[in-house]
């Protein structure tokens, strides 16, 4: 069994980012990322902190905007419009989920598609479906695909089953992997909570992606011998033996499944590391695309 470690692959992405950054910076273009944090959710704050630190490490221009949970929809849109108009900002990310009372879809629609480095604007999702390279794919699916490529796992002609139909992961990853090119050309099935006899469907997968948001949901009965398993889930569960009383687990029961796999991603240390890496790559590419248009 091969362990697909996100940290090692993310470092390769960061090395590419550093090289691209140096070239852009030498030409007078400094990539800039703005992250908008609404409310005080501890997990969201931790994610934003990680993104901010990585921007600083790469030398990118970084802006963090914090707003209270009771901000109005119009006030939040005004913040985004300001960032849309700011030439020093190439990427805008509004940390999700938003507090109750705010419409996430409306917020995403407000972001300039050319700065939507999270890849969730309908324009970018349309470009993803059309395989238009000027768009941005969502970071987590891009990270999953990159992990497969860097690990030397063939996807062409393979059966891929994705458990989870969210726009953020399932639907977007399906579009990436059924497309043409490296890390693609797969035959993709998207399964979900209403799929009949789910285990029978997932056992057909050469590559199984778990993105259902339920701790340790995928067990050995879901996985065929020799499959590759990508675990997108990040769930915090109680664990009295842990220092903080909790620990992170994925959507896959790792210990029960690992022995059946050709390769598998761990949680933590797997896909999560790639999400931030691909966000940095998207931001640098947004800067490059604007520079090329100038």
C-alpha atoms as a PDB file:
ATOM      1  CA  UNK A   1       0.000   0.000   0.000  1.00  0.00           C
ATOM      2  CA  UNK A   2       1.307   3.413  -1.029  1.00  0.00           C
ATOM      3  CA  UNK A   3       0.554   6.454   1.117  1.00  0.00           C
ATOM      4  CA  UNK A   4      -0.194   9.541  -1.003  1.00  0.00           C
ATOM      5  CA  UNK A   5       1.105  12.367   1.180  1.00  0.00           C
ATOM      6  CA  UNK A   6      -0.312  15.795   0.446  1.00  0.00           C
ATOM      7  CA  UNK A   7       2.572  17.595   2.125  1.00  0.00           C
ATOM      8  CA  UNK A   8       5.170  16.328  -0.350  1.00  0.00           C
ATOM      9  CA  UNK A   9       3.032  17.073  -3.409  1.00  0.00           C
ATOM     10  CA  UNK A  10       2.040  20.485  -2.059  1.00  0.00           C
ATOM     11  CA  UNK A  11       5.726  21.366  -1.708  1.00  0.00           C
ATOM     12  CA  UNK A  12       6.204  20.605  -5.417  1.00  0.00           C
ATOM     13  CA  UNK A  13       3.313  22.981  -6.208  1.00  0.00           C
ATOM     14  CA  UNK A  14       4.831  25.672  -3.976  1.00  0.00           C
ATOM     15  CA  UNK A  15       8.189  25.299  -5.748  1.00  0.00           C
ATOM     16  CA  UNK A  16       6.414  25.970  -9.065  1.00  0.00           C
ATOM     17  CA  UNK A  17       4.590  28.916  -7.475  1.00  0.00           C
ATOM     18  CA  UNK A  18       7.866  30.407  -6.204  1.00  0.00           C
ATOM     19  CA  UNK A  19       9.416  30.193  -9.662  1.00  0.00           C
ATOM     20  CA  UNK A  20       6.371  31.757 -11.333  1.00  0.00           C
ATOM     21  CA  UNK A  21       6.169  34.427  -8.627  1.00  0.00           C
ATOM     22  CA  UNK A  22       9.810  35.412  -9.144  1.00  0.00           C
ATOM     23  CA  UNK A  23       9.222  35.828 -12.889  1.00  0.00           C
ATOM     24  CA  UNK A  24       6.076  37.905 -12.395  1.00  0.00           C
ATOM     25  CA  UNK A  25       7.639  40.010  -9.654  1.00  0.00           C
ATOM     26  CA  UNK A  26      10.683  40.770 -11.810  1.00  0.00           C
ATOM     27  CA  UNK A  27       8.293  42.157 -14.427  1.00  0.00           C
ATOM     28  CA  UNK A  28       6.601  44.396 -11.845  1.00  0.00           C
ATOM     29  CA  UNK A  29       3.599  42.153 -11.151  1.00  0.00           C
ATOM     30  CA  UNK A  30       3.104  41.035  -7.551  1.00  0.00           C
ATOM     31  CA  UNK A  31       0.275  38.493  -7.121  1.00  0.00           C
ATOM     32  CA  UNK A  32      -2.203  39.571  -4.469  1.00  0.00           C
ATOM     33  CA  UNK A  33      -4.817  37.540  -2.591  1.00  0.00           C
ATOM     34  CA  UNK A  34      -7.645  38.942  -0.458  1.00  0.00           C
ATOM     35  CA  UNK A  35      -9.432  36.661   2.002  1.00  0.00           C
ATOM     36  CA  UNK A  36     -12.710  37.799   3.554  1.00  0.00           C
ATOM     37  CA  UNK A  37     -13.616  36.222   6.905  1.00  0.00           C
ATOM     38  CA  UNK A  38     -17.134  36.791   8.218  1.00  0.00           C
ATOM     39  CA  UNK A  39     -17.912  35.866  11.817  1.00  0.00           C
ATOM     40  CA  UNK A  40     -15.666  34.028  14.256  1.00  0.00           C
ATOM     41  CA  UNK A  41     -15.900  30.340  13.394  1.00  0.00           C
ATOM     42  CA  UNK A  42     -12.713  28.724  14.816  1.00  0.00           C
ATOM     43  CA  UNK A  43     -12.217  26.337  11.864  1.00  0.00           C
ATOM     44  CA  UNK A  44     -12.649  29.131   9.320  1.00  0.00           C
ATOM     45  CA  UNK A  45     -10.230  31.331  11.270  1.00  0.00           C
ATOM     46  CA  UNK A  46      -7.650  28.538  11.269  1.00  0.00           C
ATOM     47  CA  UNK A  47      -8.004  28.021   7.495  1.00  0.00           C
ATOM     48  CA  UNK A  48      -7.653  31.745   6.841  1.00  0.00           C
ATOM     49  CA  UNK A  49      -4.555  31.879   9.032  1.00  0.00           C
ATOM     50  CA  UNK A  50      -2.952  29.056   7.020  1.00  0.00           C
ATOM     51  CA  UNK A  51      -3.660  30.858   3.747  1.00  0.00           C
ATOM     52  CA  UNK A  52      -2.252  34.116   5.108  1.00  0.00           C
ATOM     53  CA  UNK A  53       0.965  32.443   6.285  1.00  0.00           C
ATOM     54  CA  UNK A  54       1.495  30.741   2.936  1.00  0.00           C
ATOM     55  CA  UNK A  55       1.055  34.047   1.079  1.00  0.00           C
ATOM     56  CA  UNK A  56       3.725  35.578   3.307  1.00  0.00           C
ATOM     57  CA  UNK A  57       6.094  32.662   2.730  1.00  0.00           C
ATOM     58  CA  UNK A  58       5.751  33.049  -1.033  1.00  0.00           C
ATOM     59  CA  UNK A  59       6.138  36.832  -0.845  1.00  0.00           C
ATOM     60  CA  UNK A  60       2.663  37.503  -2.203  1.00  0.00           C
ATOM     61  CA  UNK A  61       0.603  40.566  -1.365  1.00  0.00           C
ATOM     62  CA  UNK A  62      -1.947  39.418   1.205  1.00  0.00           C
ATOM     63  CA  UNK A  63      -5.047  41.154   2.557  1.00  0.00           C
ATOM     64  CA  UNK A  64      -7.298  39.771   5.289  1.00  0.00           C
ATOM     65  CA  UNK A  65     -10.646  41.453   5.834  1.00  0.00           C
ATOM     66  CA  UNK A  66     -12.614  40.482   8.923  1.00  0.00           C
ATOM     67  CA  UNK A  67     -16.292  41.352   9.302  1.00  0.00           C
ATOM     68  CA  UNK A  68     -18.795  40.557  12.063  1.00  0.00           C
ATOM     69  CA  UNK A  69     -21.373  37.803  11.669  1.00  0.00           C
ATOM     70  CA  UNK A  70     -24.195  40.347  11.615  1.00  0.00           C
ATOM     71  CA  UNK A  71     -22.921  42.132   8.490  1.00  0.00           C
ATOM     72  CA  UNK A  72     -25.696  42.694   5.957  1.00  0.00           C
ATOM     73  CA  UNK A  73     -25.713  41.156   2.492  1.00  0.00           C
ATOM     74  CA  UNK A  74     -25.346  44.616   0.896  1.00  0.00           C
ATOM     75  CA  UNK A  75     -22.425  45.528   3.164  1.00  0.00           C
ATOM     76  CA  UNK A  76     -20.630  42.297   2.291  1.00  0.00           C
ATOM     77  CA  UNK A  77     -21.220  42.889  -1.421  1.00  0.00           C
ATOM     78  CA  UNK A  78     -19.726  46.373  -1.031  1.00  0.00           C
ATOM     79  CA  UNK A  79     -16.561  44.852   0.459  1.00  0.00           C
ATOM     80  CA  UNK A  80     -16.249  42.496  -2.505  1.00  0.00           C
ATOM     81  CA  UNK A  81     -16.884  45.264  -5.053  1.00  0.00           C
ATOM     82  CA  UNK A  82     -14.034  47.238  -3.488  1.00  0.00           C
ATOM     83  CA  UNK A  83     -11.727  44.271  -3.940  1.00  0.00           C
ATOM     84  CA  UNK A  84     -12.962  43.765  -7.509  1.00  0.00           C
ATOM     85  CA  UNK A  85     -11.808  47.304  -8.270  1.00  0.00           C
ATOM     86  CA  UNK A  86      -8.436  46.988  -6.485  1.00  0.00           C
ATOM     87  CA  UNK A  87      -5.651  46.418  -9.041  1.00  0.00           C
ATOM     88  CA  UNK A  88      -3.328  45.073  -6.334  1.00  0.00           C
ATOM     89  CA  UNK A  89      -5.696  42.134  -5.776  1.00  0.00           C
ATOM     90  CA  UNK A  90      -5.700  39.262  -8.283  1.00  0.00           C
ATOM     91  CA  UNK A  91      -7.603  36.710  -6.222  1.00  0.00           C
ATOM     92  CA  UNK A  92     -10.594  37.029  -3.893  1.00  0.00           C
ATOM     93  CA  UNK A  93     -11.696  34.282  -1.548  1.00  0.00           C
ATOM     94  CA  UNK A  94     -14.685  34.579   0.769  1.00  0.00           C
ATOM     95  CA  UNK A  95     -14.240  31.933   3.458  1.00  0.00           C
ATOM     96  CA  UNK A  96     -17.197  29.538   3.537  1.00  0.00           C
ATOM     97  CA  UNK A  97     -19.484  28.657   5.192  1.00  0.00           C
ATOM     98  CA  UNK A  98     -20.948  32.087   5.894  1.00  0.00           C
ATOM     99  CA  UNK A  99     -23.014  32.790   9.029  1.00  0.00           C
ATOM    100  CA  UNK A 100     -26.766  32.187   8.880  1.00  0.00           C
ATOM    101  CA  UNK A 101     -28.696  34.930   7.104  1.00  0.00           C
ATOM    102  CA  UNK A 102     -26.146  35.485   4.334  1.00  0.00           C
ATOM    103  CA  UNK A 103     -26.718  34.098   0.843  1.00  0.00           C
ATOM    104  CA  UNK A 104     -23.495  32.359  -0.264  1.00  0.00           C
ATOM    105  CA  UNK A 105     -24.609  32.077  -3.893  1.00  0.00           C
ATOM    106  CA  UNK A 106     -25.188  35.822  -4.119  1.00  0.00           C
ATOM    107  CA  UNK A 107     -21.769  36.491  -2.602  1.00  0.00           C
ATOM    108  CA  UNK A 108     -20.057  34.211  -5.147  1.00  0.00           C
ATOM    109  CA  UNK A 109     -21.912  35.935  -7.994  1.00  0.00           C
ATOM    110  CA  UNK A 110     -20.570  39.274  -6.741  1.00  0.00           C
ATOM    111  CA  UNK A 111     -16.921  38.247  -7.210  1.00  0.00           C
ATOM    112  CA  UNK A 112     -15.252  39.211 -10.495  1.00  0.00           C
ATOM    113  CA  UNK A 113     -14.803  35.850 -12.315  1.00  0.00           C
ATOM    114  CA  UNK A 114     -11.246  36.890 -13.220  1.00  0.00           C
ATOM    115  CA  UNK A 115     -10.499  37.082  -9.476  1.00  0.00           C
ATOM    116  CA  UNK A 116     -12.551  34.046  -8.425  1.00  0.00           C
ATOM    117  CA  UNK A 117      -9.585  31.857  -7.477  1.00  0.00           C
ATOM    118  CA  UNK A 118     -11.898  29.542  -5.532  1.00  0.00           C
ATOM    119  CA  UNK A 119     -13.444  28.582  -8.894  1.00  0.00           C
ATOM    120  CA  UNK A 120     -17.083  28.741  -7.799  1.00  0.00           C
ATOM    121  CA  UNK A 121     -18.476  31.530  -9.991  1.00  0.00           C
ATOM    122  CA  UNK A 122     -20.804  30.234 -12.753  1.00  0.00           C
ATOM    123  CA  UNK A 123     -18.460  31.690 -15.375  1.00  0.00           C
ATOM    124  CA  UNK A 124     -15.564  29.590 -14.077  1.00  0.00           C
ATOM    125  CA  UNK A 125     -17.706  26.494 -13.639  1.00  0.00           C
ATOM    126  CA  UNK A 126     -18.858  26.947 -17.257  1.00  0.00           C
ATOM    127  CA  UNK A 127     -15.250  27.263 -18.401  1.00  0.00           C
ATOM    128  CA  UNK A 128     -14.426  24.109 -16.455  1.00  0.00           C
ATOM    129  CA  UNK A 129     -17.181  22.241 -18.296  1.00  0.00           C
ATOM    130  CA  UNK A 130     -15.916  23.629 -21.609  1.00  0.00           C
ATOM    131  CA  UNK A 131     -12.278  22.852 -20.731  1.00  0.00           C
ATOM    132  CA  UNK A 132     -11.390  26.508 -21.209  1.00  0.00           C
ATOM    133  CA  UNK A 133      -7.926  27.044 -19.659  1.00  0.00           C
ATOM    134  CA  UNK A 134      -8.642  30.698 -18.823  1.00  0.00           C
ATOM    135  CA  UNK A 135     -11.001  29.634 -16.023  1.00  0.00           C
ATOM    136  CA  UNK A 136     -10.242  28.523 -12.478  1.00  0.00           C
ATOM    137  CA  UNK A 137     -11.167  25.087 -11.170  1.00  0.00           C
ATOM    138  CA  UNK A 138     -12.106  24.755  -7.487  1.00  0.00           C
ATOM    139  CA  UNK A 139      -9.003  24.156  -5.379  1.00  0.00           C
ATOM    140  CA  UNK A 140      -9.862  20.865  -3.674  1.00  0.00           C
ATOM    141  CA  UNK A 141     -10.766  18.987  -6.896  1.00  0.00           C
ATOM    142  CA  UNK A 142      -7.654  20.410  -8.584  1.00  0.00           C
ATOM    143  CA  UNK A 143      -5.611  19.193  -5.633  1.00  0.00           C
ATOM    144  CA  UNK A 144      -7.092  15.690  -5.894  1.00  0.00           C
ATOM    145  CA  UNK A 145      -6.233  15.509  -9.579  1.00  0.00           C
ATOM    146  CA  UNK A 146      -2.705  16.792  -8.989  1.00  0.00           C
ATOM    147  CA  UNK A 147      -2.156  14.142  -6.293  1.00  0.00           C
ATOM    148  CA  UNK A 148      -3.058  11.391  -8.737  1.00  0.00           C
ATOM    149  CA  UNK A 149      -0.783  12.788 -11.438  1.00  0.00           C
ATOM    150  CA  UNK A 150       2.200  13.314  -9.133  1.00  0.00           C
ATOM    151  CA  UNK A 151       1.751   9.830  -7.654  1.00  0.00           C
ATOM    152  CA  UNK A 152       1.949   8.253 -11.111  1.00  0.00           C
ATOM    153  CA  UNK A 153      -1.580   6.875 -10.941  1.00  0.00           C
ATOM    154  CA  UNK A 154      -3.061   6.346 -14.389  1.00  0.00           C
ATOM    155  CA  UNK A 155      -6.557   7.803 -14.826  1.00  0.00           C
ATOM    156  CA  UNK A 156      -7.140   7.354 -18.559  1.00  0.00           C
ATOM    157  CA  UNK A 157      -9.790   4.716 -19.161  1.00  0.00           C
ATOM    158  CA  UNK A 158     -10.154   4.034 -15.445  1.00  0.00           C
ATOM    159  CA  UNK A 159     -13.429   3.850 -13.517  1.00  0.00           C
ATOM    160  CA  UNK A 160     -13.685   6.706 -11.010  1.00  0.00           C
ATOM    161  CA  UNK A 161     -16.456   6.804  -8.419  1.00  0.00           C
ATOM    162  CA  UNK A 162     -16.938  10.009  -6.440  1.00  0.00           C
ATOM    163  CA  UNK A 163     -19.103   9.703  -3.328  1.00  0.00           C
ATOM    164  CA  UNK A 164     -20.575  13.183  -2.803  1.00  0.00           C
ATOM    165  CA  UNK A 165     -22.260  15.556  -5.249  1.00  0.00           C
ATOM    166  CA  UNK A 166     -21.349  18.982  -3.848  1.00  0.00           C
ATOM    167  CA  UNK A 167     -20.365  21.710  -6.266  1.00  0.00           C
ATOM    168  CA  UNK A 168     -17.244  22.365  -4.227  1.00  0.00           C
ATOM    169  CA  UNK A 169     -15.893  18.827  -4.736  1.00  0.00           C
ATOM    170  CA  UNK A 170     -18.026  16.105  -6.346  1.00  0.00           C
ATOM    171  CA  UNK A 171     -19.469  17.809  -9.423  1.00  0.00           C
ATOM    172  CA  UNK A 172     -16.311  19.817 -10.137  1.00  0.00           C
ATOM    173  CA  UNK A 173     -13.983  16.830  -9.758  1.00  0.00           C
ATOM    174  CA  UNK A 174     -16.223  14.829 -12.094  1.00  0.00           C
ATOM    175  CA  UNK A 175     -15.833  17.510 -14.768  1.00  0.00           C
ATOM    176  CA  UNK A 176     -12.052  17.571 -14.310  1.00  0.00           C
ATOM    177  CA  UNK A 177     -11.624  13.817 -14.499  1.00  0.00           C
ATOM    178  CA  UNK A 178     -13.928  13.194 -17.443  1.00  0.00           C
ATOM    179  CA  UNK A 179     -12.124  15.893 -19.418  1.00  0.00           C
ATOM    180  CA  UNK A 180      -9.127  15.466 -21.676  1.00  0.00           C
ATOM    181  CA  UNK A 181      -5.483  15.625 -20.723  1.00  0.00           C
ATOM    182  CA  UNK A 182      -3.259  14.557 -17.868  1.00  0.00           C
ATOM    183  CA  UNK A 183      -5.039  13.178 -14.831  1.00  0.00           C
ATOM    184  CA  UNK A 184      -8.295  12.864 -16.784  1.00  0.00           C
ATOM    185  CA  UNK A 185      -9.944  10.791 -19.546  1.00  0.00           C
ATOM    186  CA  UNK A 186     -11.674   8.709 -16.878  1.00  0.00           C
ATOM    187  CA  UNK A 187     -15.148   7.181 -16.833  1.00  0.00           C
ATOM    188  CA  UNK A 188     -16.796   8.923 -13.886  1.00  0.00           C
ATOM    189  CA  UNK A 189     -19.738   7.976 -11.679  1.00  0.00           C
ATOM    190  CA  UNK A 190     -21.009  10.422  -9.064  1.00  0.00           C
ATOM    191  CA  UNK A 191     -22.723   8.609  -6.189  1.00  0.00           C
ATOM    192  CA  UNK A 192     -24.505  10.142  -3.213  1.00  0.00           C
ATOM    193  CA  UNK A 193     -26.861   9.523  -0.297  1.00  0.00           C
ATOM    194  CA  UNK A 194     -29.680   8.397  -2.613  1.00  0.00           C
ATOM    195  CA  UNK A 195     -27.581   5.949  -4.624  1.00  0.00           C
ATOM    196  CA  UNK A 196     -29.077   2.461  -4.533  1.00  0.00           C
ATOM    197  CA  UNK A 197     -26.704  -0.217  -3.208  1.00  0.00           C
ATOM    198  CA  UNK A 198     -23.848   2.258  -2.792  1.00  0.00           C
ATOM    199  CA  UNK A 199     -21.279  -0.374  -1.855  1.00  0.00           C
ATOM    200  CA  UNK A 200     -21.904  -2.265  -5.107  1.00  0.00           C
ATOM    201  CA  UNK A 201     -21.304   0.959  -7.055  1.00  0.00           C
ATOM    202  CA  UNK A 202     -18.137   1.959  -5.178  1.00  0.00           C
ATOM    203  CA  UNK A 203     -16.638  -1.531  -5.517  1.00  0.00           C
ATOM    204  CA  UNK A 204     -16.506  -0.954  -9.278  1.00  0.00           C
ATOM    205  CA  UNK A 205     -14.082   1.943  -8.784  1.00  0.00           C
ATOM    206  CA  UNK A 206     -10.440   1.794  -9.797  1.00  0.00           C
ATOM    207  CA  UNK A 207     -10.209   5.203  -8.115  1.00  0.00           C
ATOM    208  CA  UNK A 208     -12.626   5.968  -5.268  1.00  0.00           C
ATOM    209  CA  UNK A 209     -13.035   9.522  -3.983  1.00  0.00           C
ATOM    210  CA  UNK A 210     -14.824  10.021  -0.647  1.00  0.00           C
ATOM    211  CA  UNK A 211     -16.362  13.479  -0.207  1.00  0.00           C
ATOM    212  CA  UNK A 212     -19.585  12.799   1.676  1.00  0.00           C
ATOM    213  CA  UNK A 213     -18.823  14.550   4.973  1.00  0.00           C
ATOM    214  CA  UNK A 214     -19.505  11.587   7.278  1.00  0.00           C
ATOM    215  CA  UNK A 215     -16.670  10.345   9.522  1.00  0.00           C
ATOM    216  CA  UNK A 216     -15.270   6.936   8.476  1.00  0.00           C
ATOM    217  CA  UNK A 217     -18.272   6.271   6.239  1.00  0.00           C
ATOM    218  CA  UNK A 218     -16.307   4.343   3.612  1.00  0.00           C
ATOM    219  CA  UNK A 219     -15.403   0.902   4.916  1.00  0.00           C
ATOM    220  CA  UNK A 220     -13.775  -2.190   3.387  1.00  0.00           C
ATOM    221  CA  UNK A 221     -17.124  -3.288   1.947  1.00  0.00           C
ATOM    222  CA  UNK A 222     -17.045  -0.189  -0.316  1.00  0.00           C
ATOM    223  CA  UNK A 223     -13.557  -0.773  -1.750  1.00  0.00           C
ATOM    224  CA  UNK A 224     -12.341  -3.333  -4.268  1.00  0.00           C
ATOM    225  CA  UNK A 225      -8.934  -4.941  -3.904  1.00  0.00           C
ATOM    226  CA  UNK A 226      -6.194  -2.797  -5.432  1.00  0.00           C
ATOM    227  CA  UNK A 227      -8.217   0.426  -5.662  1.00  0.00           C
ATOM    228  CA  UNK A 228      -6.830   3.923  -5.161  1.00  0.00           C
ATOM    229  CA  UNK A 229      -8.714   5.850  -2.454  1.00  0.00           C
ATOM    230  CA  UNK A 230      -8.727   9.651  -2.174  1.00  0.00           C
ATOM    231  CA  UNK A 231     -10.223  10.859   1.109  1.00  0.00           C
ATOM    232  CA  UNK A 232     -11.480  14.455   0.899  1.00  0.00           C
ATOM    233  CA  UNK A 233     -13.278  14.379   4.260  1.00  0.00           C
ATOM    234  CA  UNK A 234     -12.109  16.382   7.263  1.00  0.00           C
ATOM    235  CA  UNK A 235     -14.185  15.590  10.344  1.00  0.00           C
ATOM    236  CA  UNK A 236     -13.423  16.386  13.971  1.00  0.00           C
ATOM    237  CA  UNK A 237     -14.494  13.654  16.378  1.00  0.00           C
ATOM    238  CA  UNK A 238     -14.255  13.205  20.138  1.00  0.00           C
ATOM    239  CA  UNK A 239     -11.199  11.289  21.316  1.00  0.00           C
ATOM    240  CA  UNK A 240     -10.489  11.213  25.069  1.00  0.00           C
ATOM    241  CA  UNK A 241      -6.990   9.855  24.386  1.00  0.00           C
ATOM    242  CA  UNK A 242      -6.018  12.917  22.319  1.00  0.00           C
ATOM    243  CA  UNK A 243      -4.375  15.943  23.923  1.00  0.00           C
ATOM    244  CA  UNK A 244      -7.253  18.255  22.973  1.00  0.00           C
ATOM    245  CA  UNK A 245      -9.948  15.641  23.439  1.00  0.00           C
ATOM    246  CA  UNK A 246     -10.691  15.547  19.708  1.00  0.00           C
ATOM    247  CA  UNK A 247      -8.955  14.483  16.513  1.00  0.00           C
ATOM    248  CA  UNK A 248      -9.380  14.720  12.757  1.00  0.00           C
ATOM    249  CA  UNK A 249     -10.547  11.767  10.683  1.00  0.00           C
ATOM    250  CA  UNK A 250     -11.606  11.426   7.069  1.00  0.00           C
ATOM    251  CA  UNK A 251     -14.671  10.027   5.361  1.00  0.00           C
ATOM    252  CA  UNK A 252     -12.771   6.739   5.008  1.00  0.00           C
ATOM    253  CA  UNK A 253     -12.161   4.239   7.800  1.00  0.00           C
ATOM    254  CA  UNK A 254      -8.430   4.352   7.076  1.00  0.00           C
ATOM    255  CA  UNK A 255      -7.271   1.440   9.249  1.00  0.00           C
ATOM    256  CA  UNK A 256      -9.964  -0.888   7.915  1.00  0.00           C
ATOM    257  CA  UNK A 257      -9.508   0.084   4.264  1.00  0.00           C
ATOM    258  CA  UNK A 258      -5.766   0.726   3.788  1.00  0.00           C
ATOM    259  CA  UNK A 259      -4.712  -2.920   3.394  1.00  0.00           C
ATOM    260  CA  UNK A 260      -7.033  -3.336   0.376  1.00  0.00           C
ATOM    261  CA  UNK A 261      -5.648  -0.304  -1.460  1.00  0.00           C
ATOM    262  CA  UNK A 262      -2.947   0.195  -4.026  1.00  0.00           C
ATOM    263  CA  UNK A 263      -2.692   3.753  -2.680  1.00  0.00           C
ATOM    264  CA  UNK A 264      -4.590   5.940  -0.207  1.00  0.00           C
ATOM    265  CA  UNK A 265      -4.486   9.483   1.174  1.00  0.00           C
ATOM    266  CA  UNK A 266      -4.293  10.047   4.943  1.00  0.00           C
ATOM    267  CA  UNK A 267      -6.320  12.486   7.059  1.00  0.00           C
ATOM    268  CA  UNK A 268      -4.793  14.735   8.190  1.00  0.00           C
ATOM    269  CA  UNK A 269      -1.863  15.217   5.828  1.00  0.00           C
ATOM    270  CA  UNK A 270      -3.616  14.416   2.563  1.00  0.00           C
ATOM    271  CA  UNK A 271      -5.996  16.411   0.373  1.00  0.00           C
ATOM    272  CA  UNK A 272      -6.251  19.296   2.863  1.00  0.00           C
ATOM    273  CA  UNK A 273      -2.632  20.271   2.231  1.00  0.00           C
ATOM    274  CA  UNK A 274      -3.338  20.461  -1.484  1.00  0.00           C
ATOM    275  CA  UNK A 275      -6.309  22.823  -1.244  1.00  0.00           C
ATOM    276  CA  UNK A 276      -4.192  25.762  -0.050  1.00  0.00           C
ATOM    277  CA  UNK A 277      -1.429  24.917  -2.529  1.00  0.00           C
ATOM    278  CA  UNK A 278      -3.865  25.064  -5.455  1.00  0.00           C
ATOM    279  CA  UNK A 279      -5.316  28.340  -4.132  1.00  0.00           C
ATOM    280  CA  UNK A 280      -1.829  29.877  -4.295  1.00  0.00           C
ATOM    281  CA  UNK A 281      -1.341  28.453  -7.795  1.00  0.00           C
ATOM    282  CA  UNK A 282      -4.692  29.876  -8.955  1.00  0.00           C
ATOM    283  CA  UNK A 283      -3.845  33.326  -7.549  1.00  0.00           C
ATOM    284  CA  UNK A 284      -0.487  33.408  -9.296  1.00  0.00           C
ATOM    285  CA  UNK A 285      -2.150  32.275 -12.529  1.00  0.00           C
ATOM    286  CA  UNK A 286      -4.762  35.032 -12.157  1.00  0.00           C
ATOM    287  CA  UNK A 287      -1.909  37.539 -11.960  1.00  0.00           C
ATOM    288  CA  UNK A 288      -0.285  35.991 -15.042  1.00  0.00           C
ATOM    289  CA  UNK A 289      -3.528  36.090 -17.031  1.00  0.00           C
ATOM    290  CA  UNK A 290      -4.045  39.764 -16.220  1.00  0.00           C
ATOM    291  CA  UNK A 291      -0.434  40.595 -17.072  1.00  0.00           C
ATOM    292  CA  UNK A 292      -0.830  38.803 -20.415  1.00  0.00           C
ATOM    293  CA  UNK A 293      -3.958  40.869 -21.163  1.00  0.00           C
ATOM    294  CA  UNK A 294      -2.189  44.148 -20.383  1.00  0.00           C
END
